[in-house]
Amino acid sequence: MISLPESPVETRQSAASDNPLLKSEEWLRLAAKGSPMGLWYWNEETGRVFWDAKSCEIFDVGTEGEKTLDTFYSCLHPDDRERVREIWRYQLEHGLPFEMEYRVVGRDGSIRWIDALGSGYYDQQGKPLRMVGVHFDVSERKKAEQKHFDLSGRLINAQEKERSRLARELHDDFSQRLALLAIDLESVAEMILDSPAAASKRVHELWGEVSEIGADLHSLSHRLHSTTLESLGLVAGVDSYCKEIARKQGLQIDVVHEDMPKPIHPEISLCLFRIVQETLRNVSKHSRASRVEVRLKGSSEAIWLTLRDNGIGFDLSKNHTSGGIGIQSMNERARMIGGTFQVESAPMRGTQITVKVPLNSVRTAR
């Protein structure tokens, strides 16, 4: 019969029988040492609190010396102390599990968010004896939540500003131009009998104005929703939009594409198209660039979009998003479809944006 190897404890004991087995407390200590959570224990009779080394690190206190509830309360944010004290006593005295979130202030003034869990132990009469629990530093999670919340708020504000801008553009531009056109048409109607030649000339001029209004409306519609993108695909949509912006802004925009797959899922096409739109909008407003290269490259696995300008660039180490949400929104768009987003820039050296989207990030369109 094949014999199984001895366990580490058994081998150790057989090799040195005078060494006792590791106690359960030692196992717990070793496990806690490698864990991100802190362990705590509170004794109702003595009023003492035990914190392991991780807890002392979380609460930014030394490991030496006795710890009490006052030690615990002194570490809390002033705005949280009374709330924590009341919930602690209520849950303990009513036999409820301790669970709450609070802030801890470090000795350097830094603030950490803590999630704490605990269970109470009682005598036969229900009198509290002790409570044992754990706590976790969740500051990074809180920062991520706050960042997401701030971005959501900024996106909503941006949407409202864009709606207001479109409403003003429709009212102040197109509505007034159409009103003036109606007045001119009325005057032309009066001219037809008295001066047919002058009326004909004026009708020709008004036809030009109508054509211009139609072109501007088409451009506005294109910014909101590209029918070219929808009907002809990503390459055609990007190329058409870039030609339009080049004509309006006086920019040289070179569109290059290579090995682009067909078909491309509509979500991927729309994401990359919107990033092109936002980038060219930023270039027009801020970069002072004269030339932009838009490159689309595909493979069997992914699509790469690269936009490079020769503008003034900016310092990436500074908060370049303080004035808007352009880069944040583009990054979020790419992230939502499983892509990556990267910005490279330096003062007077232009800016390059690179987006990579895996084709399997969303189900391929059929």
Protein backbone atom coordinates (compact mmCIF):
# COMPACT_ATOMS: atom_id res chain seq x y z
CA MET A 1 0.00 0.00 0.00
CA ILE A 2 1.29 3.49 -0.89
CA SER A 3 1.64 5.67 2.17
CA LEU A 4 0.78 9.36 1.99
CA PRO A 5 3.43 11.89 3.02
CA GLU A 6 3.13 13.30 6.46
CA SER A 7 1.61 16.76 6.92
CA PRO A 8 4.01 19.65 7.67
CA VAL A 9 2.91 19.70 11.31
CA GLU A 10 3.29 15.94 11.68
CA THR A 11 6.74 15.97 10.07
CA ARG A 12 7.84 18.80 12.30
CA GLN A 13 6.56 17.03 15.40
CA SER A 14 8.23 13.77 14.50
CA ALA A 15 11.48 15.60 13.81
CA ALA A 16 11.33 17.59 17.02
CA SER A 17 8.83 16.11 19.38
CA ASP A 18 9.68 18.64 22.04
CA ASN A 19 8.16 21.46 19.91
CA PRO A 20 4.42 21.83 20.56
CA LEU A 21 1.87 22.24 17.79
CA LEU A 22 1.22 25.76 16.67
CA LYS A 23 -1.65 27.18 18.65
CA SER A 24 -4.79 28.42 16.91
CA GLU A 25 -3.91 31.95 17.99
CA GLU A 26 -0.62 31.69 16.09
CA TRP A 27 -2.44 30.60 12.94
CA LEU A 28 -4.78 33.55 13.35
CA ARG A 29 -1.86 35.92 13.84
CA LEU A 30 -0.12 34.69 10.69
CA ALA A 31 -3.32 34.92 8.66
CA ALA A 32 -4.04 38.44 9.90
CA LYS A 33 -0.50 39.56 9.09
CA GLY A 34 -1.02 38.89 5.39
CA SER A 35 -4.56 40.24 5.24
CA PRO A 36 -5.72 43.77 4.30
CA MET A 37 -8.18 43.71 7.19
CA GLY A 38 -7.54 44.72 10.78
CA LEU A 39 -8.73 42.66 13.75
CA TRP A 40 -10.13 44.14 16.95
CA TYR A 41 -11.45 42.89 20.28
CA TRP A 42 -13.21 44.88 22.99
CA ASN A 43 -13.79 43.89 26.63
CA GLU A 44 -16.83 45.44 28.32
CA GLU A 45 -15.58 44.80 31.88
CA THR A 46 -12.10 46.30 31.48
CA GLY A 47 -12.97 48.80 28.76
CA ARG A 48 -9.84 47.77 26.89
CA VAL A 49 -9.58 47.49 23.13
CA PHE A 50 -7.16 45.18 21.37
CA TRP A 51 -5.95 46.16 17.91
CA ASP A 52 -3.60 44.04 15.87
CA ALA A 53 -0.71 45.62 13.95
CA LYS A 54 -2.87 46.17 10.85
CA SER A 55 -5.50 48.00 12.90
CA CYS A 56 -2.84 50.23 14.45
CA GLU A 57 -1.67 51.03 10.93
CA ILE A 58 -5.23 51.78 9.75
CA PHE A 59 -5.90 54.09 12.72
CA ASP A 60 -2.38 55.57 12.56
CA VAL A 61 -1.46 54.84 16.18
CA GLY A 62 1.55 53.07 17.61
CA THR A 63 1.41 49.44 18.61
CA GLU A 64 2.68 50.21 22.11
CA GLY A 65 0.49 51.10 25.03
CA GLU A 66 -3.01 50.30 26.14
CA LYS A 67 -5.94 51.00 23.83
CA THR A 68 -9.41 51.94 25.09
CA LEU A 69 -12.65 53.15 23.57
CA ASP A 70 -11.39 56.69 24.10
CA THR A 71 -8.40 55.82 21.94
CA PHE A 72 -10.80 54.66 19.27
CA TYR A 73 -13.05 57.73 19.49
CA SER A 74 -10.08 60.11 19.42
CA CYS A 75 -9.09 58.69 16.01
CA LEU A 76 -12.49 59.35 14.48
CA HIS A 77 -13.43 62.36 12.43
CA PRO A 78 -15.12 64.89 14.76
CA ASP A 79 -18.28 64.81 12.66
CA ASP A 80 -18.55 61.02 13.06
CA ARG A 81 -17.76 60.51 16.74
CA GLU A 82 -21.20 60.98 18.25
CA ARG A 83 -22.89 58.97 15.53
CA VAL A 84 -20.47 56.07 15.97
CA ARG A 85 -20.82 56.20 19.77
CA GLU A 86 -24.62 56.06 19.63
CA ILE A 87 -24.79 53.27 17.05
CA TRP A 88 -22.12 51.26 18.88
CA ARG A 89 -23.99 51.29 22.19
CA TYR A 90 -27.40 50.73 20.63
CA GLN A 91 -26.28 47.72 18.58
CA LEU A 92 -24.36 46.23 21.49
CA GLU A 93 -27.15 46.62 24.03
CA HIS A 94 -29.80 45.26 21.64
CA GLY A 95 -27.78 42.26 20.50
CA LEU A 96 -27.35 43.52 16.96
CA PRO A 97 -24.26 42.96 14.82
CA PHE A 98 -22.02 46.02 14.62
CA GLU A 99 -21.75 47.32 11.05
CA MET A 100 -21.00 50.86 9.99
CA GLU A 101 -18.81 53.16 7.98
CA TYR A 102 -16.87 56.09 9.39
CA ARG A 103 -13.85 58.30 8.86
CA VAL A 104 -10.51 58.19 10.66
CA VAL A 105 -8.17 61.19 10.87
CA GLY A 106 -4.46 60.37 10.78
CA ARG A 107 -1.77 62.22 12.69
CA ASP A 108 -0.86 64.10 9.50
CA GLY A 109 -4.49 65.19 9.02
CA SER A 110 -5.21 62.69 6.24
CA ILE A 111 -8.66 61.09 6.22
CA ARG A 112 -9.39 57.41 5.71
CA TRP A 113 -12.73 55.72 5.22
CA ILE A 114 -13.26 52.56 7.28
CA ASP A 115 -15.80 49.75 7.03
CA ALA A 116 -16.21 48.01 10.41
CA LEU A 117 -17.97 44.75 11.28
CA GLY A 118 -18.37 43.11 14.68
CA SER A 119 -20.35 40.63 16.77
CA GLY A 120 -21.18 40.91 20.47
CA TYR A 121 -21.05 38.18 23.12
CA TYR A 122 -23.34 38.17 26.17
CA ASP A 123 -23.90 36.32 29.44
CA GLN A 124 -27.05 34.37 30.22
CA GLN A 125 -28.83 37.53 31.34
CA GLY A 126 -28.00 39.28 28.06
CA LYS A 127 -25.36 41.53 29.57
CA PRO A 128 -22.64 42.52 27.05
CA LEU A 129 -19.29 40.86 27.71
CA ARG A 130 -17.18 41.61 24.66
CA MET A 131 -17.25 42.31 20.96
CA VAL A 132 -14.99 40.92 18.27
CA GLY A 133 -14.69 42.26 14.76
CA VAL A 134 -12.75 43.40 11.73
CA HIS A 135 -12.33 46.66 9.86
CA PHE A 136 -11.16 47.51 6.35
CA ASP A 137 -9.61 50.64 4.89
CA VAL A 138 -11.95 51.45 1.96
CA SER A 139 -10.50 54.88 1.13
CA GLU A 140 -9.52 53.92 -2.42
CA ARG A 141 -13.00 52.59 -3.09
CA LYS A 142 -14.48 55.83 -1.75
CA LYS A 143 -12.19 57.89 -3.96
CA ALA A 144 -13.24 55.84 -6.98
CA GLU A 145 -16.91 56.25 -6.08
CA GLN A 146 -16.49 60.00 -5.63
CA LYS A 147 -14.60 60.29 -8.91
CA HIS A 148 -17.36 58.39 -10.69
CA PHE A 149 -20.01 60.54 -9.00
CA ASP A 150 -18.19 63.74 -9.97
CA LEU A 151 -17.80 62.55 -13.55
CA SER A 152 -21.48 61.64 -13.78
CA GLY A 153 -22.43 65.09 -12.53
CA ARG A 154 -20.07 66.77 -14.97
CA LEU A 155 -21.45 64.69 -17.83
CA ILE A 156 -25.01 65.68 -16.94
CA ASN A 157 -23.99 69.34 -16.76
CA ALA A 158 -22.22 69.02 -20.10
CA GLN A 159 -25.32 67.51 -21.66
CA GLU A 160 -27.44 70.37 -20.36
CA LYS A 161 -24.95 72.94 -21.66
CA GLU A 162 -24.92 71.26 -25.05
CA ARG A 163 -28.72 71.28 -25.16
CA SER A 164 -28.75 74.96 -24.23
CA ARG A 165 -26.17 75.70 -26.92
CA LEU A 166 -28.20 73.85 -29.55
CA ALA A 167 -31.39 75.61 -28.47
CA ARG A 168 -29.67 79.02 -28.74
CA GLU A 169 -28.21 78.09 -32.11
CA LEU A 170 -31.60 77.03 -33.43
CA HIS A 171 -33.35 80.11 -32.02
CA ASP A 172 -30.77 82.84 -32.54
CA ASP A 173 -29.45 81.63 -35.88
CA PHE A 174 -31.83 79.47 -37.86
CA SER A 175 -35.10 80.92 -36.56
CA GLN A 176 -34.01 84.49 -37.30
CA ARG A 177 -32.61 83.59 -40.70
CA LEU A 178 -35.88 81.86 -41.64
CA ALA A 179 -37.90 84.85 -40.38
CA LEU A 180 -35.85 87.24 -42.51
CA LEU A 181 -36.25 84.89 -45.47
CA ALA A 182 -40.03 84.96 -45.07
CA ILE A 183 -40.00 88.78 -45.06
CA ASP A 184 -37.81 88.85 -48.16
CA LEU A 185 -40.09 86.40 -49.97
CA GLU A 186 -43.05 88.63 -49.17
CA SER A 187 -41.28 91.64 -50.66
CA VAL A 188 -40.34 89.61 -53.74
CA ALA A 189 -43.99 88.73 -54.25
CA GLU A 190 -44.77 92.46 -54.40
CA MET A 191 -41.90 93.08 -56.84
CA ILE A 192 -42.98 90.46 -59.39
CA LEU A 193 -45.62 92.65 -61.08
CA ASP A 194 -43.66 95.92 -60.94
CA SER A 195 -40.15 94.67 -61.71
CA PRO A 196 -39.95 91.07 -62.91
CA ALA A 197 -36.19 91.28 -63.65
CA ALA A 198 -35.35 92.59 -60.16
CA ALA A 199 -37.67 90.00 -58.63
CA SER A 200 -35.96 87.22 -60.56
CA LYS A 201 -32.54 88.39 -59.39
CA ARG A 202 -33.74 88.59 -55.79
CA VAL A 203 -35.28 85.08 -55.98
CA HIS A 204 -31.92 83.80 -57.15
CA GLU A 205 -30.23 85.41 -54.15
CA LEU A 206 -32.82 83.96 -51.77
CA TRP A 207 -32.28 80.53 -53.30
CA GLY A 208 -28.62 80.85 -52.29
CA GLU A 209 -29.62 81.78 -48.75
CA VAL A 210 -31.96 78.79 -48.52
CA SER A 211 -29.16 76.52 -49.74
CA GLU A 212 -26.84 77.93 -47.08
CA ILE A 213 -29.41 77.38 -44.33
CA GLY A 214 -29.93 73.81 -45.57
CA ALA A 215 -26.17 73.16 -45.49
CA ASP A 216 -25.87 74.54 -41.96
CA LEU A 217 -28.81 72.42 -40.80
CA HIS A 218 -27.18 69.39 -42.38
CA SER A 219 -23.96 70.16 -40.53
CA LEU A 220 -25.83 70.52 -37.24
CA SER A 221 -27.64 67.24 -37.85
CA HIS A 222 -24.35 65.56 -38.70
CA ARG A 223 -22.84 66.65 -35.38
CA LEU A 224 -25.78 65.17 -33.52
CA HIS A 225 -26.10 61.96 -35.54
CA SER A 226 -24.08 60.90 -38.56
CA THR A 227 -26.25 59.19 -41.16
CA THR A 228 -23.04 58.47 -43.11
CA LEU A 229 -21.69 56.55 -40.14
CA GLU A 230 -24.93 54.61 -39.82
CA SER A 231 -25.33 53.75 -43.50
CA LEU A 232 -21.75 53.53 -44.81
CA GLY A 233 -19.72 52.61 -41.75
CA LEU A 234 -16.92 53.96 -39.57
CA VAL A 235 -14.32 54.83 -42.21
CA ALA A 236 -16.78 56.73 -44.41
CA GLY A 237 -18.33 58.47 -41.40
CA VAL A 238 -14.96 59.63 -40.04
CA ASP A 239 -13.76 60.71 -43.49
CA SER A 240 -16.93 62.71 -44.17
CA TYR A 241 -16.81 64.43 -40.78
CA CYS A 242 -13.11 65.27 -41.09
CA LYS A 243 -13.65 66.86 -44.52
CA GLU A 244 -16.45 68.99 -43.09
CA ILE A 245 -14.34 70.19 -40.14
CA ALA A 246 -11.33 70.82 -42.40
CA ARG A 247 -13.44 73.02 -44.64
CA LYS A 248 -14.98 74.99 -41.77
CA GLN A 249 -11.91 75.37 -39.57
CA GLY A 250 -9.24 75.72 -42.23
CA LEU A 251 -7.40 72.66 -40.91
CA GLN A 252 -5.46 70.08 -42.87
CA ILE A 253 -6.89 66.74 -41.74
CA ASP A 254 -5.39 63.59 -43.21
CA VAL A 255 -7.47 60.43 -42.77
CA VAL A 256 -5.60 57.15 -43.15
CA HIS A 257 -7.11 53.67 -42.74
CA GLU A 258 -5.57 50.24 -42.99
CA ASP A 259 -6.96 46.68 -42.78
CA MET A 260 -10.27 47.79 -41.29
CA PRO A 261 -12.56 44.81 -40.61
CA LYS A 262 -16.13 44.54 -41.88
CA PRO A 263 -18.59 44.63 -40.33
CA ILE A 264 -17.87 46.61 -37.16
CA HIS A 265 -20.30 46.54 -34.26
CA PRO A 266 -22.34 49.80 -34.12
CA GLU A 267 -21.28 50.44 -30.52
CA ILE A 268 -17.60 50.36 -31.48
CA SER A 269 -18.18 52.56 -34.54
CA LEU A 270 -20.14 55.13 -32.55
CA CYS A 271 -17.56 55.18 -29.74
CA LEU A 272 -14.63 55.81 -32.09
CA PHE A 273 -16.61 58.34 -34.13
CA ARG A 274 -17.51 60.35 -31.00
CA ILE A 275 -13.87 60.32 -29.89
CA VAL A 276 -12.88 61.72 -33.28
CA GLN A 277 -15.55 64.40 -32.90
CA GLU A 278 -14.47 65.39 -29.40
CA THR A 279 -10.78 65.41 -30.29
CA LEU A 280 -11.27 67.62 -33.34
CA ARG A 281 -13.46 69.93 -31.28
CA ASN A 282 -10.65 70.26 -28.72
CA VAL A 283 -8.09 70.78 -31.50
CA SER A 284 -10.19 73.59 -32.99
CA LYS A 285 -10.68 75.30 -29.63
CA HIS A 286 -7.37 74.87 -27.85
CA SER A 287 -4.47 73.42 -29.82
CA ARG A 288 -3.73 76.10 -32.45
CA ALA A 289 -2.83 73.23 -34.74
CA SER A 290 -2.66 73.50 -38.52
CA ARG A 291 -2.56 69.78 -39.24
CA VAL A 292 -4.19 66.66 -37.79
CA GLU A 293 -3.68 63.04 -38.74
CA VAL A 294 -6.50 60.58 -38.09
CA ARG A 295 -5.42 56.97 -38.45
CA LEU A 296 -7.62 53.87 -38.24
CA LYS A 297 -5.92 50.49 -38.22
CA GLY A 298 -7.58 47.12 -37.83
CA SER A 299 -6.65 43.52 -37.21
CA SER A 300 -8.56 40.33 -36.59
CA GLU A 301 -8.60 41.16 -32.88
CA ALA A 302 -8.83 44.93 -32.41
CA ILE A 303 -9.12 48.41 -33.91
CA TRP A 304 -6.66 51.20 -33.17
CA LEU A 305 -7.59 54.86 -33.55
CA THR A 306 -4.77 57.41 -33.42
CA LEU A 307 -5.22 61.18 -33.65
CA ARG A 308 -2.09 63.35 -33.76
CA ASP A 309 -1.90 67.14 -34.11
CA ASN A 310 0.97 69.63 -34.42
CA GLY A 311 -0.49 72.08 -31.92
CA ILE A 312 0.83 73.65 -28.73
CA GLY A 313 0.10 70.58 -26.57
CA PHE A 314 -0.21 70.75 -22.79
CA ASP A 315 1.45 69.56 -19.58
CA LEU A 316 0.03 66.14 -18.67
CA SER A 317 1.20 66.53 -15.07
CA LYS A 318 -1.25 69.37 -14.55
CA ASN A 319 -5.00 69.06 -14.16
CA HIS A 320 -5.77 69.59 -17.81
CA THR A 321 -9.39 68.50 -17.33
CA SER A 322 -10.29 71.27 -14.91
CA GLY A 323 -11.96 73.32 -17.61
CA GLY A 324 -14.01 70.54 -19.15
CA ILE A 325 -14.67 66.86 -19.41
CA GLY A 326 -13.48 66.14 -22.95
CA ILE A 327 -10.64 63.76 -22.10
CA GLN A 328 -12.58 62.18 -19.24
CA SER A 329 -15.62 61.54 -21.42
CA MET A 330 -13.50 60.01 -24.18
CA ASN A 331 -11.75 57.78 -21.66
CA GLU A 332 -15.12 56.73 -20.25
CA ARG A 333 -16.48 55.97 -23.73
CA ALA A 334 -13.53 53.69 -24.48
CA ARG A 335 -13.76 52.00 -21.09
CA MET A 336 -17.47 51.25 -21.51
CA ILE A 337 -16.79 49.05 -24.55
CA GLY A 338 -13.71 47.36 -23.07
CA GLY A 339 -11.16 49.62 -24.78
CA THR A 340 -8.09 51.52 -23.59
CA PHE A 341 -7.47 55.25 -23.93
CA GLN A 342 -4.09 57.00 -23.82
CA VAL A 343 -3.03 60.64 -24.14
CA GLU A 344 0.51 61.79 -24.93
CA SER A 345 1.32 65.48 -24.96
CA ALA A 346 3.92 68.05 -24.00
CA PRO A 347 4.06 71.86 -24.33
CA MET A 348 4.81 72.90 -27.92
CA ARG A 349 5.05 69.26 -29.06
CA GLY A 350 1.48 68.53 -30.04
CA THR A 351 -0.89 65.90 -28.71
CA GLN A 352 -1.53 62.27 -29.61
CA ILE A 353 -4.57 60.25 -28.56
CA THR A 354 -4.54 56.48 -28.99
CA VAL A 355 -7.58 54.24 -28.52
CA LYS A 356 -7.56 50.47 -28.76
CA VAL A 357 -10.85 48.56 -28.82
CA PRO A 358 -10.91 44.74 -28.89
CA LEU A 359 -13.39 43.48 -31.47
CA ASN A 360 -14.70 40.90 -29.01
CA SER A 361 -15.49 43.57 -26.41
CA VAL A 362 -19.04 43.65 -27.78
CA ARG A 363 -20.80 41.08 -29.90
CA THR A 364 -19.80 41.46 -33.55
CA ALA A 365 -22.61 42.81 -35.72
CA ARG A 366 -24.04 40.39 -38.26
